[in-house]
C-alpha atoms as a PDB file:
ATOM      1  CA  MET A   1      -0.007  -0.002  -0.044  1.00  0.00           C
ATOM      2  CA  SER A   2       2.893   2.262   0.589  1.00  0.00           C
ATOM      3  CA  LYS A   3       3.873   2.330  -3.064  1.00  0.00           C
ATOM      4  CA  ASP A   4       0.324   3.345  -4.162  1.00  0.00           C
ATOM      5  CA  TRP A   5       0.301   5.923  -1.635  1.00  0.00           C
ATOM      6  CA  GLN A   6       3.758   7.254  -2.823  1.00  0.00           C
ATOM      7  CA  ARG A   7       2.359   7.786  -6.208  1.00  0.00           C
ATOM      8  CA  ALA A   8      -0.975   9.777  -4.860  1.00  0.00           C
ATOM      9  CA  SER A   9       1.514  11.924  -2.968  1.00  0.00           C
ATOM     10  CA  GLU A  10       3.353  12.832  -6.098  1.00  0.00           C
ATOM     11  CA  SER A  11       0.179  14.390  -7.699  1.00  0.00           C
ATOM     12  CA  SER A  12      -0.644  18.025  -7.565  1.00  0.00           C
ATOM     13  CA  HIS A  13      -3.155  19.967  -5.706  1.00  0.00           C
ATOM     14  CA  LYS A  14      -3.092  23.611  -7.390  1.00  0.00           C
ATOM     15  CA  GLU A  15       0.654  23.968  -9.331  1.00  0.00           C
ATOM     16  CA  ASN A  16       2.177  20.719  -8.288  1.00  0.00           C
ATOM     17  CA  PRO A  17       2.838  20.763  -4.546  1.00  0.00           C
ATOM     18  CA  LYS A  18       2.633  17.555  -2.851  1.00  0.00           C
ATOM     19  CA  TYR A  19      -0.388  16.296  -0.970  1.00  0.00           C
ATOM     20  CA  PRO A  20      -0.484  16.433   2.810  1.00  0.00           C
ATOM     21  CA  ASP A  21       1.099  12.766   4.172  1.00  0.00           C
ATOM     22  CA  ILE A  22      -2.473  12.433   5.778  1.00  0.00           C
ATOM     23  CA  PHE A  23      -5.554  14.271   5.743  1.00  0.00           C
ATOM     24  CA  ASP A  24      -7.879  15.251   8.841  1.00  0.00           C
ATOM     25  CA  ALA A  25     -10.868  13.879   6.402  1.00  0.00           C
ATOM     26  CA  ILE A  26     -11.449  12.500   3.712  1.00  0.00           C
ATOM     27  CA  ILE A  27     -15.166  13.421   2.001  1.00  0.00           C
ATOM     28  CA  ILE A  28     -16.408  10.901  -0.268  1.00  0.00           C
ATOM     29  CA  GLY A  29     -19.009  12.463  -2.845  1.00  0.00           C
ATOM     30  CA  ALA A  30     -19.733  16.176  -3.472  1.00  0.00           C
ATOM     31  CA  GLY A  31     -23.589  16.369  -2.930  1.00  0.00           C
ATOM     32  CA  PRO A  32     -24.985  19.072  -0.356  1.00  0.00           C
ATOM     33  CA  ALA A  33     -23.804  16.758   2.345  1.00  0.00           C
ATOM     34  CA  GLY A  34     -20.209  16.668   1.076  1.00  0.00           C
ATOM     35  CA  MET A  35     -19.932  20.104   0.090  1.00  0.00           C
ATOM     36  CA  THR A  36     -21.361  21.111   3.440  1.00  0.00           C
ATOM     37  CA  ALA A  37     -19.243  19.045   5.371  1.00  0.00           C
ATOM     38  CA  ALA A  38     -16.006  20.497   3.338  1.00  0.00           C
ATOM     39  CA  ILE A  39     -17.008  24.228   4.134  1.00  0.00           C
ATOM     40  CA  TYR A  40     -17.622  23.474   7.807  1.00  0.00           C
ATOM     41  CA  GLY A  41     -14.399  21.215   7.994  1.00  0.00           C
ATOM     42  CA  ALA A  42     -12.269  23.574   6.146  1.00  0.00           C
ATOM     43  CA  ARG A  43     -13.175  26.176   8.610  1.00  0.00           C
ATOM     44  CA  ARG A  44     -12.203  24.232  11.635  1.00  0.00           C
ATOM     45  CA  LYS A  45      -8.822  24.126   9.801  1.00  0.00           C
ATOM     46  CA  MET A  46      -9.146  20.657   9.165  1.00  0.00           C
ATOM     47  CA  LYS A  47      -6.541  19.234   5.964  1.00  0.00           C
ATOM     48  CA  ILE A  48      -9.859  17.815   3.902  1.00  0.00           C
ATOM     49  CA  LEU A  49      -9.711  16.094   0.576  1.00  0.00           C
ATOM     50  CA  MET A  50     -12.939  15.859  -1.152  1.00  0.00           C
ATOM     51  CA  ILE A  51     -13.175  12.892  -4.125  1.00  0.00           C
ATOM     52  CA  CYS A  52     -16.254  12.928  -6.433  1.00  0.00           C
ATOM     53  CA  GLY A  53     -17.306  11.845  -9.427  1.00  0.00           C
ATOM     54  CA  GLU A  54     -19.153  14.782 -10.396  1.00  0.00           C
ATOM     55  CA  ILE A  55     -20.243  17.964  -8.208  1.00  0.00           C
ATOM     56  CA  GLY A  56     -23.826  17.813  -7.146  1.00  0.00           C
ATOM     57  CA  GLY A  57     -25.039  14.440  -6.665  1.00  0.00           C
ATOM     58  CA  GLN A  58     -28.569  14.084  -6.633  1.00  0.00           C
ATOM     59  CA  MET A  59     -28.994  17.963  -7.296  1.00  0.00           C
ATOM     60  CA  ASN A  60     -27.848  17.539 -10.752  1.00  0.00           C
ATOM     61  CA  TRP A  61     -31.254  15.319 -11.612  1.00  0.00           C
ATOM     62  CA  CYS A  62     -33.785  17.849  -9.754  1.00  0.00           C
ATOM     63  CA  SER A  63     -35.766  20.068 -11.928  1.00  0.00           C
ATOM     64  CA  ASP A  64     -37.625  22.083  -9.129  1.00  0.00           C
ATOM     65  CA  ILE A  65     -36.453  23.032  -5.661  1.00  0.00           C
ATOM     66  CA  SER A  66     -38.857  25.033  -3.647  1.00  0.00           C
ATOM     67  CA  ASN A  67     -38.455  23.891  -0.122  1.00  0.00           C
ATOM     68  CA  TRP A  68     -34.717  25.114   0.309  1.00  0.00           C
ATOM     69  CA  THR A  69     -35.047  27.973   2.895  1.00  0.00           C
ATOM     70  CA  GLY A  70     -34.226  31.449   1.770  1.00  0.00           C
ATOM     71  CA  VAL A  71     -34.593  30.468  -2.099  1.00  0.00           C
ATOM     72  CA  ALA A  72     -38.271  30.289  -2.954  1.00  0.00           C
ATOM     73  CA  GLN A  73     -37.671  28.565  -6.412  1.00  0.00           C
ATOM     74  CA  SER A  74     -34.823  26.991  -7.897  1.00  0.00           C
ATOM     75  CA  THR A  75     -33.520  23.871  -9.962  1.00  0.00           C
ATOM     76  CA  GLY A  76     -31.153  21.432  -8.885  1.00  0.00           C
ATOM     77  CA  PRO A  77     -28.094  22.191 -10.835  1.00  0.00           C
ATOM     78  CA  ALA A  78     -28.751  26.185  -9.756  1.00  0.00           C
ATOM     79  CA  LEU A  79     -28.569  25.558  -6.522  1.00  0.00           C
ATOM     80  CA  ARG A  80     -25.670  23.055  -6.937  1.00  0.00           C
ATOM     81  CA  ASP A  81     -24.024  26.000  -8.674  1.00  0.00           C
ATOM     82  CA  GLN A  82     -24.424  28.194  -5.325  1.00  0.00           C
ATOM     83  CA  PHE A  83     -23.228  25.597  -3.474  1.00  0.00           C
ATOM     84  CA  PHE A  84     -20.132  24.988  -5.534  1.00  0.00           C
ATOM     85  CA  LYS A  85     -19.390  28.615  -5.678  1.00  0.00           C
ATOM     86  CA  HIS A  86     -19.021  28.699  -1.902  1.00  0.00           C
ATOM     87  CA  VAL A  87     -16.806  25.501  -2.051  1.00  0.00           C
ATOM     88  CA  HIS A  88     -14.567  27.111  -4.695  1.00  0.00           C
ATOM     89  CA  GLU A  89     -14.051  30.035  -2.713  1.00  0.00           C
ATOM     90  CA  VAL A  90     -12.747  27.673   0.291  1.00  0.00           C
ATOM     91  CA  ASP A  91     -10.728  25.693  -2.062  1.00  0.00           C
ATOM     92  CA  VAL A  92      -8.716  28.326  -3.776  1.00  0.00           C
ATOM     93  CA  ASP A  93      -8.074  29.979  -0.632  1.00  0.00           C
ATOM     94  CA  ASN A  94      -5.088  28.496   0.677  1.00  0.00           C
ATOM     95  CA  GLU A  95      -3.765  31.287   2.903  1.00  0.00           C
ATOM     96  CA  HIS A  96      -7.063  30.468   5.090  1.00  0.00           C
ATOM     97  CA  PHE A  97      -8.228  26.907   4.061  1.00  0.00           C
ATOM     98  CA  ASP A  98      -6.711  23.601   3.532  1.00  0.00           C
ATOM     99  CA  LEU A  99      -9.181  22.236   1.237  1.00  0.00           C
ATOM    100  CA  TRP A 100      -8.361  19.736  -1.781  1.00  0.00           C
ATOM    101  CA  LEU A 101     -11.048  18.922  -4.506  1.00  0.00           C
ATOM    102  CA  ARG A 102     -10.633  16.117  -6.743  1.00  0.00           C
ATOM    103  CA  GLU A 103     -13.692  15.184  -9.155  1.00  0.00           C
ATOM    104  CA  LYS A 104     -13.845  12.648 -11.941  1.00  0.00           C
ATOM    105  CA  ARG A 105     -12.423   9.830  -9.663  1.00  0.00           C
ATOM    106  CA  LYS A 106     -14.503   6.789  -8.003  1.00  0.00           C
ATOM    107  CA  VAL A 107     -13.424   5.525  -4.779  1.00  0.00           C
ATOM    108  CA  VAL A 108     -13.523   1.769  -4.974  1.00  0.00           C
ATOM    109  CA  ASN A 109     -12.101   0.842  -1.558  1.00  0.00           C
ATOM    110  CA  VAL A 110     -12.188   2.067   2.198  1.00  0.00           C
ATOM    111  CA  THR A 111      -9.378   0.113   4.393  1.00  0.00           C
ATOM    112  CA  LYS A 112      -8.567   1.178   8.228  1.00  0.00           C
ATOM    113  CA  VAL A 113      -5.431   0.152   9.288  1.00  0.00           C
ATOM    114  CA  LYS A 114      -5.045   0.938  13.264  1.00  0.00           C
ATOM    115  CA  ASP A 115      -6.108   4.229  13.278  1.00  0.00           C
ATOM    116  CA  VAL A 116      -5.758   5.342   9.649  1.00  0.00           C
ATOM    117  CA  PHE A 117      -8.056   4.946   6.731  1.00  0.00           C
ATOM    118  CA  TYR A 118      -6.892   4.347   3.079  1.00  0.00           C
ATOM    119  CA  VAL A 119      -8.884   5.366   0.515  1.00  0.00           C
ATOM    120  CA  ALA A 120      -8.248   3.883  -3.116  1.00  0.00           C
ATOM    121  CA  THR A 121      -9.679   5.440  -6.109  1.00  0.00           C
ATOM    122  CA  ASN A 122      -9.990   3.862  -9.588  1.00  0.00           C
ATOM    123  CA  ASN A 123      -7.135   5.794 -11.048  1.00  0.00           C
ATOM    124  CA  GLU A 124      -4.858   3.626  -8.338  1.00  0.00           C
ATOM    125  CA  SER A 125      -4.094   6.368  -6.003  1.00  0.00           C
ATOM    126  CA  VAL A 126      -4.483   5.693  -2.487  1.00  0.00           C
ATOM    127  CA  PHE A 127      -5.043   8.346   0.140  1.00  0.00           C
ATOM    128  CA  ARG A 128      -4.588   8.325   3.783  1.00  0.00           C
ATOM    129  CA  ALA A 129      -6.802   9.867   6.331  1.00  0.00           C
ATOM    130  CA  LYS A 130      -7.706  10.200  10.188  1.00  0.00           C
ATOM    131  CA  THR A 131     -11.171  10.342   9.527  1.00  0.00           C
ATOM    132  CA  ILE A 132     -13.619   9.775   6.773  1.00  0.00           C
ATOM    133  CA  ILE A 133     -16.753  11.588   5.985  1.00  0.00           C
ATOM    134  CA  CYS A 134     -19.056   9.510   3.623  1.00  0.00           C
ATOM    135  CA  THR A 135     -21.749  11.340   1.442  1.00  0.00           C
ATOM    136  CA  VAL A 136     -22.089   9.416  -1.665  1.00  0.00           C
ATOM    137  CA  GLY A 137     -25.873   9.513  -1.694  1.00  0.00           C
ATOM    138  CA  LYS A 138     -27.728   7.193  -4.005  1.00  0.00           C
ATOM    139  CA  ARG A 139     -27.581   6.244  -7.884  1.00  0.00           C
ATOM    140  CA  PRO A 140     -30.582   5.341  -9.864  1.00  0.00           C
ATOM    141  CA  ARG A 141     -31.926   1.786  -9.663  1.00  0.00           C
ATOM    142  CA  VAL A 142     -31.958  -0.212 -12.753  1.00  0.00           C
ATOM    143  CA  LEU A 143     -34.098  -3.129 -14.182  1.00  0.00           C
ATOM    144  CA  ASN A 144     -31.611  -5.561 -15.623  1.00  0.00           C
ATOM    145  CA  ILE A 145     -33.367  -6.194 -18.349  1.00  0.00           C
ATOM    146  CA  PRO A 146     -31.994  -7.364 -22.018  1.00  0.00           C
ATOM    147  CA  GLY A 147     -30.765  -4.384 -24.008  1.00  0.00           C
ATOM    148  CA  GLU A 148     -30.444  -2.043 -20.858  1.00  0.00           C
ATOM    149  CA  ASP A 149     -26.767  -1.814 -20.757  1.00  0.00           C
ATOM    150  CA  ILE A 150     -26.320  -1.038 -24.395  1.00  0.00           C
ATOM    151  CA  ALA A 151     -29.268   1.670 -24.268  1.00  0.00           C
ATOM    152  CA  MET A 152     -27.822   3.349 -21.044  1.00  0.00           C
ATOM    153  CA  GLN A 153     -24.794   3.950 -23.034  1.00  0.00           C
ATOM    154  CA  GLY A 154     -26.256   7.343 -25.062  1.00  0.00           C
ATOM    155  CA  ASN A 155     -28.328   5.315 -26.685  1.00  0.00           C
ATOM    156  CA  GLY A 156     -31.678   6.479 -25.859  1.00  0.00           C
ATOM    157  CA  LEU A 157     -32.099   5.323 -22.192  1.00  0.00           C
ATOM    158  CA  SER A 158     -31.801   8.467 -19.839  1.00  0.00           C
ATOM    159  CA  PHE A 159     -32.391   8.765 -16.085  1.00  0.00           C
ATOM    160  CA  SER A 160     -32.063  12.726 -15.644  1.00  0.00           C
ATOM    161  CA  ALA A 161     -34.673  14.633 -17.416  1.00  0.00           C
ATOM    162  CA  THR A 162     -32.974  17.883 -16.068  1.00  0.00           C
ATOM    163  CA  GLN A 163     -30.392  17.059 -18.294  1.00  0.00           C
ATOM    164  CA  ASP A 164     -31.738  15.029 -21.292  1.00  0.00           C
ATOM    165  CA  ALA A 165     -35.002  16.194 -21.906  1.00  0.00           C
ATOM    166  CA  PRO A 166     -34.253  18.766 -24.385  1.00  0.00           C
ATOM    167  CA  LEU A 167     -32.512  15.866 -26.521  1.00  0.00           C
ATOM    168  CA  TYR A 168     -36.149  14.276 -27.224  1.00  0.00           C
ATOM    169  CA  LYS A 169     -37.808  17.222 -29.004  1.00  0.00           C
ATOM    170  CA  GLY A 170     -40.638  16.201 -31.078  1.00  0.00           C
ATOM    171  CA  LYS A 171     -39.991  12.435 -30.026  1.00  0.00           C
ATOM    172  CA  LYS A 172     -42.176   9.480 -28.923  1.00  0.00           C
ATOM    173  CA  MET A 173     -41.051   8.876 -25.290  1.00  0.00           C
ATOM    174  CA  ALA A 174     -42.030   6.351 -22.772  1.00  0.00           C
ATOM    175  CA  ILE A 175     -41.314   6.664 -18.886  1.00  0.00           C
ATOM    176  CA  ILE A 176     -40.868   3.346 -16.709  1.00  0.00           C
ATOM    177  CA  GLY A 177     -42.240   4.022 -13.112  1.00  0.00           C
ATOM    178  CA  GLY A 178     -45.247   5.331 -11.313  1.00  0.00           C
ATOM    179  CA  GLY A 179     -44.153   7.716  -8.648  1.00  0.00           C
ATOM    180  CA  ASN A 180     -43.112  11.272  -8.073  1.00  0.00           C
ATOM    181  CA  SER A 181     -40.061  11.034 -10.102  1.00  0.00           C
ATOM    182  CA  ALA A 182     -41.804   9.791 -13.151  1.00  0.00           C
ATOM    183  CA  MET A 183     -44.335  12.228 -12.923  1.00  0.00           C
ATOM    184  CA  ASP A 184     -41.899  15.090 -12.514  1.00  0.00           C
ATOM    185  CA  VAL A 185     -40.111  13.740 -15.808  1.00  0.00           C
ATOM    186  CA  ALA A 186     -43.209  13.587 -17.748  1.00  0.00           C
ATOM    187  CA  LEU A 187     -43.955  16.990 -16.977  1.00  0.00           C
ATOM    188  CA  GLN A 188     -40.633  18.119 -17.837  1.00  0.00           C
ATOM    189  CA  LEU A 189     -40.754  16.204 -21.315  1.00  0.00           C
ATOM    190  CA  ASP A 190     -44.347  17.910 -21.980  1.00  0.00           C
ATOM    191  CA  LYS A 191     -42.315  21.110 -22.758  1.00  0.00           C
ATOM    192  CA  TYR A 192     -40.668  19.403 -25.939  1.00  0.00           C
ATOM    193  CA  THR A 193     -42.860  16.733 -27.312  1.00  0.00           C
ATOM    194  CA  ASP A 194     -46.572  15.790 -27.283  1.00  0.00           C
ATOM    195  CA  ASP A 195     -46.202  11.917 -27.043  1.00  0.00           C
ATOM    196  CA  ILE A 196     -45.628  10.619 -23.456  1.00  0.00           C
ATOM    197  CA  THR A 197     -46.362   7.635 -21.996  1.00  0.00           C
ATOM    198  CA  ILE A 198     -45.936   6.503 -18.235  1.00  0.00           C
ATOM    199  CA  MET A 199     -45.591   3.017 -17.447  1.00  0.00           C
ATOM    200  CA  THR A 200     -46.463   1.267 -14.244  1.00  0.00           C
ATOM    201  CA  ASN A 201     -46.855  -2.011 -12.701  1.00  0.00           C
ATOM    202  CA  LEU A 202     -49.186  -0.407 -10.569  1.00  0.00           C
ATOM    203  CA  ASP A 203     -53.117  -0.071 -10.892  1.00  0.00           C
ATOM    204  CA  HIS A 204     -52.653   3.626  -9.976  1.00  0.00           C
ATOM    205  CA  LEU A 205     -49.876   6.283  -9.904  1.00  0.00           C
ATOM    206  CA  ILE A 206     -48.315   7.274  -6.586  1.00  0.00           C
ATOM    207  CA  GLY A 207     -47.004  10.485  -5.154  1.00  0.00           C
ATOM    208  CA  GLU A 208     -48.133  14.457  -4.502  1.00  0.00           C
ATOM    209  CA  ALA A 209     -51.447  15.120  -5.729  1.00  0.00           C
ATOM    210  CA  THR A 210     -50.504  18.346  -7.569  1.00  0.00           C
ATOM    211  CA  LEU A 211     -48.390  16.337  -9.832  1.00  0.00           C
ATOM    212  CA  MET A 212     -51.177  13.836 -10.386  1.00  0.00           C
ATOM    213  CA  GLU A 213     -53.315  16.747 -11.605  1.00  0.00           C
ATOM    214  CA  LYS A 214     -51.001  18.427 -13.887  1.00  0.00           C
ATOM    215  CA  VAL A 215     -50.109  15.033 -15.487  1.00  0.00           C
ATOM    216  CA  GLU A 216     -54.071  14.180 -15.896  1.00  0.00           C
ATOM    217  CA  ALA A 217     -54.542  17.718 -17.377  1.00  0.00           C
ATOM    218  CA  SER A 218     -51.686  17.331 -20.107  1.00  0.00           C
ATOM    219  CA  PRO A 219     -53.307  16.021 -23.100  1.00  0.00           C
ATOM    220  CA  HIS A 220     -49.918  14.978 -24.189  1.00  0.00           C
ATOM    221  CA  ILE A 221     -49.274  12.213 -21.243  1.00  0.00           C
ATOM    222  CA  SER A 222     -50.897   9.029 -21.062  1.00  0.00           C
ATOM    223  CA  VAL A 223     -50.398   6.192 -18.554  1.00  0.00           C
ATOM    224  CA  LYS A 224     -50.242   2.366 -18.990  1.00  0.00           C
ATOM    225  CA  TYR A 225     -51.150   0.432 -15.752  1.00  0.00           C
ATOM    226  CA  GLU A 226     -49.926  -2.929 -14.718  1.00  0.00           C
ATOM    227  CA  VAL A 227     -47.422  -3.149 -17.279  1.00  0.00           C
ATOM    228  CA  ALA A 228     -43.984  -4.457 -16.751  1.00  0.00           C
ATOM    229  CA  ALA A 229     -40.924  -3.630 -19.114  1.00  0.00           C
ATOM    230  CA  LYS A 230     -39.197  -7.225 -19.897  1.00  0.00           C
ATOM    231  CA  GLU A 231     -36.751  -6.038 -22.767  1.00  0.00           C
ATOM    232  CA  ILE A 232     -35.537  -2.753 -23.986  1.00  0.00           C
ATOM    233  CA  LEU A 233     -35.642  -3.129 -27.976  1.00  0.00           C
ATOM    234  CA  LEU A 234     -32.601  -1.702 -29.824  1.00  0.00           C
ATOM    235  CA  ASN A 235     -32.063  -1.147 -33.939  1.00  0.00           C
ATOM    236  CA  LYS A 236     -29.436  -2.024 -35.946  1.00  0.00           C
ATOM    237  CA  ASN A 237     -27.473   1.129 -35.068  1.00  0.00           C
ATOM    238  CA  GLN A 238     -28.078  -0.032 -31.173  1.00  0.00           C
ATOM    239  CA  LYS A 239     -30.172   3.046 -30.601  1.00  0.00           C
ATOM    240  CA  VAL A 240     -33.791   2.566 -28.617  1.00  0.00           C
ATOM    241  CA  ARG A 241     -36.646   1.476 -30.805  1.00  0.00           C
ATOM    242  CA  GLY A 242     -39.120   0.552 -28.126  1.00  0.00           C
ATOM    243  CA  ILE A 243     -39.710  -1.508 -25.113  1.00  0.00           C
ATOM    244  CA  ARG A 244     -41.229  -5.301 -24.942  1.00  0.00           C
ATOM    245  CA  LEU A 245     -44.097  -5.085 -22.353  1.00  0.00           C
ATOM    246  CA  SER A 246     -46.058  -7.978 -20.345  1.00  0.00           C
ATOM    247  CA  GLU A 247     -49.405  -7.053 -19.164  1.00  0.00           C
ATOM    248  CA  GLY A 248     -51.576  -9.138 -17.000  1.00  0.00           C
ATOM    249  CA  GLY A 249     -51.830 -12.482 -18.087  1.00  0.00           C
ATOM    250  CA  GLY A 250     -51.871 -11.897 -21.783  1.00  0.00           C
ATOM    251  CA  GLU A 251     -48.886 -12.279 -24.221  1.00  0.00           C
ATOM    252  CA  ASP A 252     -46.003  -9.850 -24.364  1.00  0.00           C
ATOM    253  CA  TYR A 253     -46.070  -7.044 -26.996  1.00  0.00           C
ATOM    254  CA  ASP A 254     -43.738  -4.569 -28.259  1.00  0.00           C
ATOM    255  CA  PHE A 255     -44.532  -0.611 -27.550  1.00  0.00           C
ATOM    256  CA  ASP A 256     -42.388   1.706 -30.147  1.00  0.00           C
ATOM    257  CA  CYS A 257     -40.454   4.722 -28.926  1.00  0.00           C
ATOM    258  CA  ASP A 258     -37.614   7.013 -29.590  1.00  0.00           C
ATOM    259  CA  GLY A 259     -36.581   7.222 -25.940  1.00  0.00           C
ATOM    260  CA  ILE A 260     -36.899   5.850 -22.388  1.00  0.00           C
ATOM    261  CA  PHE A 261     -36.469   7.135 -19.215  1.00  0.00           C
ATOM    262  CA  GLU A 262     -36.128   4.797 -16.126  1.00  0.00           C
ATOM    263  CA  GLU A 263     -37.362   6.069 -12.810  1.00  0.00           C
ATOM    264  CA  VAL A 264     -37.767   3.141 -10.460  1.00  0.00           C
ATOM    265  CA  GLY A 265     -36.150   4.374  -7.524  1.00  0.00           C
ATOM    266  CA  GLN A 266     -32.710   4.732  -6.408  1.00  0.00           C
ATOM    267  CA  VAL A 267     -30.208   2.534  -4.246  1.00  0.00           C
ATOM    268  CA  PRO A 268     -27.306   3.760  -1.753  1.00  0.00           C
ATOM    269  CA  ALA A 269     -23.903   4.128  -3.944  1.00  0.00           C
ATOM    270  CA  THR A 270     -22.146   2.020  -1.122  1.00  0.00           C
ATOM    271  CA  ASP A 271     -21.210  -0.927  -3.122  1.00  0.00           C
ATOM    272  CA  PHE A 272     -17.801  -0.183  -2.404  1.00  0.00           C
ATOM    273  CA  LEU A 273     -18.049  -0.128   1.585  1.00  0.00           C
ATOM    274  CA  GLN A 274     -18.718  -3.808   1.937  1.00  0.00           C
ATOM    275  CA  GLY A 275     -16.594  -4.896   5.175  1.00  0.00           C
ATOM    276  CA  ALA A 276     -15.563  -1.328   6.046  1.00  0.00           C
ATOM    277  CA  VAL A 277     -18.736  -0.214   7.945  1.00  0.00           C
ATOM    278  CA  GLU A 278     -22.108  -1.488   8.766  1.00  0.00           C
ATOM    279  CA  LEU A 279     -24.806  -1.334   6.199  1.00  0.00           C
ATOM    280  CA  ASN A 280     -28.518  -1.951   6.794  1.00  0.00           C
ATOM    281  CA  GLU A 281     -30.563  -4.686   4.571  1.00  0.00           C
ATOM    282  CA  ARG A 282     -31.079  -1.571   2.173  1.00  0.00           C
ATOM    283  CA  GLY A 283     -27.456  -0.909   1.701  1.00  0.00           C
ATOM    284  CA  GLU A 284     -27.653   2.077   3.845  1.00  0.00           C
ATOM    285  CA  ILE A 285     -24.909   3.062   6.342  1.00  0.00           C
ATOM    286  CA  ILE A 286     -26.286   2.603   9.734  1.00  0.00           C
ATOM    287  CA  THR A 287     -25.589   6.215  12.051  1.00  0.00           C
ATOM    288  CA  ASP A 288     -26.589   7.616  14.918  1.00  0.00           C
ATOM    289  CA  ARG A 289     -28.148  11.062  15.608  1.00  0.00           C
ATOM    290  CA  VAL A 290     -24.766  12.414  15.230  1.00  0.00           C
ATOM    291  CA  MET A 291     -23.639  10.892  11.784  1.00  0.00           C
ATOM    292  CA  LYS A 292     -21.300   8.116  13.777  1.00  0.00           C
ATOM    293  CA  THR A 293     -21.009   4.847  12.276  1.00  0.00           C
ATOM    294  CA  SER A 294     -19.955   1.393  13.502  1.00  0.00           C
ATOM    295  CA  THR A 295     -16.564   2.224  12.647  1.00  0.00           C
ATOM    296  CA  ALA A 296     -14.591   4.738  14.792  1.00  0.00           C
ATOM    297  CA  GLY A 297     -13.812   7.663  12.785  1.00  0.00           C
ATOM    298  CA  PHE A 298     -16.321   6.933   9.892  1.00  0.00           C
ATOM    299  CA  PHE A 299     -19.317   9.326   9.494  1.00  0.00           C
ATOM    300  CA  ALA A 300     -22.161   9.156   7.095  1.00  0.00           C
ATOM    301  CA  ALA A 301     -24.289  12.200   5.891  1.00  0.00           C
ATOM    302  CA  GLY A 302     -26.883  12.411   3.516  1.00  0.00           C
ATOM    303  CA  ASP A 303     -29.140   9.940   1.573  1.00  0.00           C
ATOM    304  CA  CYS A 304     -26.637   7.248   1.859  1.00  0.00           C
ATOM    305  CA  ASN A 305     -27.194   6.693   5.502  1.00  0.00           C
ATOM    306  CA  ASP A 306     -30.238   5.229   7.217  1.00  0.00           C
ATOM    307  CA  GLY A 307     -31.978   8.564   8.180  1.00  0.00           C
ATOM    308  CA  TYR A 308     -35.371   8.572   7.426  1.00  0.00           C
ATOM    309  CA  HIS A 309     -35.930  12.210   5.548  1.00  0.00           C
ATOM    310  CA  LYS A 310     -34.237  12.166   2.138  1.00  0.00           C
ATOM    311  CA  GLN A 311     -34.243  15.814   1.458  1.00  0.00           C
ATOM    312  CA  VAL A 312     -31.512  18.508   0.341  1.00  0.00           C
ATOM    313  CA  ILE A 313     -31.873  20.576   3.457  1.00  0.00           C
ATOM    314  CA  VAL A 314     -31.523  17.287   5.951  1.00  0.00           C
ATOM    315  CA  ALA A 315     -28.414  16.241   3.859  1.00  0.00           C
ATOM    316  CA  ALA A 316     -26.784  19.702   3.999  1.00  0.00           C
ATOM    317  CA  GLY A 317     -27.362  19.660   7.860  1.00  0.00           C
ATOM    318  CA  GLU A 318     -26.164  16.458   8.108  1.00  0.00           C
ATOM    319  CA  GLY A 319     -22.904  17.315   6.334  1.00  0.00           C
ATOM    320  CA  ALA A 320     -22.713  19.942   8.742  1.00  0.00           C
ATOM    321  CA  VAL A 321     -22.712  17.688  11.969  1.00  0.00           C
ATOM    322  CA  ALA A 322     -20.676  15.227  10.331  1.00  0.00           C
ATOM    323  CA  ALA A 323     -17.915  17.718   9.932  1.00  0.00           C
ATOM    324  CA  LEU A 324     -18.275  18.988  13.380  1.00  0.00           C
ATOM    325  CA  GLN A 325     -18.296  15.715  14.793  1.00  0.00           C
ATOM    326  CA  ALA A 326     -15.166  14.536  12.877  1.00  0.00           C
ATOM    327  CA  HIS A 327     -13.514  17.481  14.224  1.00  0.00           C
ATOM    328  CA  GLU A 328     -14.413  16.664  17.668  1.00  0.00           C
ATOM    329  CA  PHE A 329     -12.984  13.129  17.258  1.00  0.00           C
ATOM    330  CA  LEU A 330      -9.807  14.399  16.047  1.00  0.00           C
ATOM    331  CA  LEU A 331      -9.744  16.849  19.303  1.00  0.00           C
ATOM    332  CA  LYS A 332     -10.241  13.914  21.361  1.00  0.00           C
ATOM    333  CA  GLN A 333      -7.535  11.765  19.442  1.00  0.00           C
ATOM    334  CA  LYS A 334      -4.940  14.465  20.587  1.00  0.00           C
END
């Protein structure tokens, strides 16, 4: 492990200085919980490394946020940009803070040896830290049906209408799912096309009444009830051409469409933590009220933990608590 650590320490922060030998905290993820933890930790003079695939987490997928205190109306990406502007100001202020931000990286393993955590990334770097703040959130659940893997590689299967809805102007669209997120996607697509079908395996839609009313009021949106997607159909160019459906006890049949959104829920992005910390049956990290986990020095905040309410404002608050608790943990270690 020491050889891998040496490779990481030779990388750059701003203009090629070496990484610290050991960080006070490594924050995994950069959604509302991770970015808030970074700000709070940096202001406690902690040496912090934040590793993420992309800035924003699930905020990148949200088309409407109207319950962030002080901001009456926003989109997820707009609120993300406000968060990141604050983080960036801290990141570049080397005179007062010691925050390192590394994007486009995936953590593949976390190991604790004695009192030190070793965090390995997919570019073969290994970083060391005294504490961990895990804020990896959730990722979209997939159906694991034929054609799905190819379709999701930019071939007509999407998971974020906030980003991808404009790509489907004038197209015939299908949405798999029957909850709030499925209805929200339908309403976003309604601005671009007039042929949208929601498909659910239930006999009714579930979610907020205001969304249902808007869906029912749109002449462009129809709903297929009690159907299950069996296969995503591709054309000779490997692009989406339809969905094979099963309905009741009848024979399977094909539904033609130009694009698909899967909105069948989310799962915690915690696969890489097997053995590092205790997870519940849903894959969520088990925490107490101050974000402590089963592993000393390991804290978890936001949608990846077993907290009940999954909201941006809750995740941000938990990120602040996790950073403050990590700081307190370090003070006790001294």
